[in-house]
């Protein structure tokens, strides 16, 4: 099973165009700070992993720090919320288009992973666990009519 590109929403939070370059700079800064400070960095109270994908159009490696949630041994759950935007985040599209080119760094380890969209009851159960640990994600879901994807990252053997 791979990452499924689900439909975009018809409404949701949108970042003002003037703030986008600032966001890109902050993501770059956070990615650079991940290696020396990663274990102390958090988003919405969650520990971070550094996700690397390959651009669907550019072919360039893209890195972004994301909060993660426990699933089982050697699997992690991440949420493609884009802060409640009607659009999917770029990393999610990259992952769907190039699923063989996905890596994470966490706990001092760098590894290739296999991404997989959660669907049906499995997604519903995971979503309940996620919003229990980090209620801000529920607020993101209320901002959009897009079903926010939950992706399992499984260590590639």
Protein backbone atom coordinates (compact mmCIF):
# COMPACT_ATOMS: atom_id res chain seq x y z
CA UNK A 1 0.00 0.00 0.00
CA UNK A 2 1.34 3.43 -0.87
CA UNK A 3 0.54 7.05 -0.14
CA UNK A 4 -2.81 7.97 -1.65
CA UNK A 5 -3.29 11.54 -2.86
CA UNK A 6 -6.74 12.28 -1.51
CA UNK A 7 -8.86 15.16 -2.85
CA UNK A 8 -8.02 18.73 -1.94
CA UNK A 9 -10.46 20.64 0.16
CA UNK A 10 -12.70 23.46 -1.02
CA UNK A 11 -11.78 25.68 1.94
CA UNK A 12 -9.18 25.94 4.66
CA UNK A 13 -6.55 28.13 6.25
CA UNK A 14 -4.29 29.96 3.81
CA UNK A 15 -1.02 31.62 4.67
CA UNK A 16 -0.74 35.17 3.33
CA UNK A 17 1.54 35.27 0.28
CA UNK A 18 3.84 37.76 1.98
CA UNK A 19 4.58 35.28 4.78
CA UNK A 20 5.53 32.32 2.55
CA UNK A 21 9.20 33.29 2.10
CA UNK A 22 9.48 33.71 5.85
CA UNK A 23 7.97 30.25 6.40
CA UNK A 24 10.44 28.70 3.93
CA UNK A 25 13.31 30.37 5.78
CA UNK A 26 12.03 29.11 9.14
CA UNK A 27 11.69 25.55 7.82
CA UNK A 28 15.27 25.72 6.53
CA UNK A 29 16.50 27.04 9.87
CA UNK A 30 14.61 24.36 11.81
CA UNK A 31 15.98 21.64 9.53
CA UNK A 32 19.54 22.95 10.07
CA UNK A 33 19.00 23.05 13.85
CA UNK A 34 17.59 19.52 13.92
CA UNK A 35 20.88 17.64 14.15
CA UNK A 36 22.36 19.57 17.08
CA UNK A 37 19.08 20.15 18.94
CA UNK A 38 16.58 17.63 17.52
CA UNK A 39 15.92 15.73 20.73
CA UNK A 40 14.91 18.97 22.47
CA UNK A 41 12.80 20.39 19.63
CA UNK A 42 9.03 19.87 19.66
CA UNK A 43 5.97 20.85 17.64
CA UNK A 44 2.65 20.96 19.47
CA UNK A 45 4.34 19.09 22.31
CA UNK A 46 5.49 16.27 20.04
CA UNK A 47 9.06 15.16 19.35
CA UNK A 48 10.37 15.81 15.85
CA UNK A 49 11.78 13.73 13.08
CA UNK A 50 13.48 15.11 10.01
CA UNK A 51 11.68 13.96 6.88
CA UNK A 52 13.52 13.95 3.56
CA UNK A 53 11.61 13.52 0.31
CA UNK A 54 12.50 14.10 -3.32
CA UNK A 55 10.59 16.85 -5.12
CA UNK A 56 7.91 15.50 -7.43
CA UNK A 57 8.76 18.07 -10.11
CA UNK A 58 12.20 19.37 -9.17
CA UNK A 59 13.86 16.06 -8.30
CA UNK A 60 15.69 17.86 -5.47
CA UNK A 61 15.92 16.56 -1.91
CA UNK A 62 13.59 18.40 0.44
CA UNK A 63 13.87 18.27 4.24
CA UNK A 64 11.29 19.29 6.81
CA UNK A 65 11.05 18.69 10.55
CA UNK A 66 7.69 17.17 11.55
CA UNK A 67 6.07 16.08 14.77
CA UNK A 68 5.52 12.35 14.98
CA UNK A 69 3.39 9.93 16.96
CA UNK A 70 4.21 6.42 18.13
CA UNK A 71 2.69 3.52 16.25
CA UNK A 72 4.74 0.40 16.93
CA UNK A 73 8.40 -0.63 16.84
CA UNK A 74 10.14 0.92 13.83
CA UNK A 75 6.99 2.73 12.65
CA UNK A 76 6.03 6.37 13.06
CA UNK A 77 2.84 8.28 12.28
CA UNK A 78 2.94 11.74 10.71
CA UNK A 79 0.07 14.05 9.84
CA UNK A 80 -0.26 15.99 6.55
CA UNK A 81 -2.23 18.83 8.14
CA UNK A 82 -0.67 21.92 6.51
CA UNK A 83 -2.20 23.79 9.48
CA UNK A 84 -5.70 23.12 8.18
CA UNK A 85 -5.11 24.28 4.61
CA UNK A 86 -7.34 23.12 1.75
CA UNK A 87 -4.12 21.92 0.06
CA UNK A 88 -1.86 19.06 0.96
CA UNK A 89 1.66 19.96 2.12
CA UNK A 90 4.35 19.63 -0.56
CA UNK A 91 6.14 16.87 1.33
CA UNK A 92 2.99 14.73 1.19
CA UNK A 93 2.68 15.17 -2.59
CA UNK A 94 6.40 14.37 -2.98
CA UNK A 95 5.93 11.24 -0.90
CA UNK A 96 2.94 10.11 -2.97
CA UNK A 97 4.73 10.70 -6.29
CA UNK A 98 8.12 9.28 -5.21
CA UNK A 99 7.50 6.80 -2.37
CA UNK A 100 10.84 5.04 -2.88
CA UNK A 101 12.73 8.23 -2.00
CA UNK A 102 11.75 8.88 1.62
CA UNK A 103 14.11 9.03 4.61
CA UNK A 104 13.80 10.10 8.22
CA UNK A 105 16.23 11.05 10.95
CA UNK A 106 15.21 10.50 14.55
CA UNK A 107 16.99 9.53 17.73
CA UNK A 108 20.38 9.94 16.05
CA UNK A 109 19.47 7.41 13.34
CA UNK A 110 18.99 8.06 9.64
CA UNK A 111 16.97 5.48 7.74
CA UNK A 112 14.94 4.85 4.62
CA UNK A 113 11.24 4.38 5.22
CA UNK A 114 8.21 3.13 3.34
CA UNK A 115 5.26 5.56 3.57
CA UNK A 116 1.70 4.25 3.70
CA UNK A 117 -1.60 6.14 3.94
CA UNK A 118 -3.92 4.98 6.68
CA UNK A 119 -7.52 4.44 5.60
CA UNK A 120 -10.84 3.52 7.12
CA UNK A 121 -10.98 2.30 10.71
CA UNK A 122 -7.19 2.22 10.95
CA UNK A 123 -7.04 5.96 10.16
CA UNK A 124 -9.93 6.76 12.52
CA UNK A 125 -8.25 4.91 15.40
CA UNK A 126 -4.89 6.56 14.71
CA UNK A 127 -6.54 10.00 14.46
CA UNK A 128 -8.14 9.52 17.90
CA UNK A 129 -4.73 8.69 19.40
CA UNK A 130 -3.15 11.69 17.65
CA UNK A 131 -5.69 14.26 18.85
CA UNK A 132 -5.53 12.81 22.37
CA UNK A 133 -1.76 13.43 22.41
CA UNK A 134 -1.92 16.74 20.51
CA UNK A 135 -5.39 18.38 20.42
CA UNK A 136 -4.22 21.10 18.03
CA UNK A 137 -4.58 18.67 15.14
CA UNK A 138 -8.33 18.48 15.77
CA UNK A 139 -8.46 22.29 15.39
CA UNK A 140 -6.69 21.93 12.03
CA UNK A 141 -9.31 19.41 10.87
CA UNK A 142 -12.11 21.84 11.78
CA UNK A 143 -10.53 24.53 9.53
CA UNK A 144 -10.91 22.48 6.35
CA UNK A 145 -13.24 20.04 4.62
CA UNK A 146 -10.22 18.02 3.42
CA UNK A 147 -9.67 14.77 5.30
CA UNK A 148 -6.23 15.32 6.77
CA UNK A 149 -4.06 12.34 5.81
CA UNK A 150 -2.26 10.23 8.39
CA UNK A 151 0.83 8.46 7.06
CA UNK A 152 2.64 5.51 8.62
CA UNK A 153 6.37 5.43 8.02
CA UNK A 154 7.78 1.92 8.26
CA UNK A 155 11.50 1.30 8.40
CA UNK A 156 12.69 -0.15 5.10
CA UNK A 157 14.53 -3.40 5.67
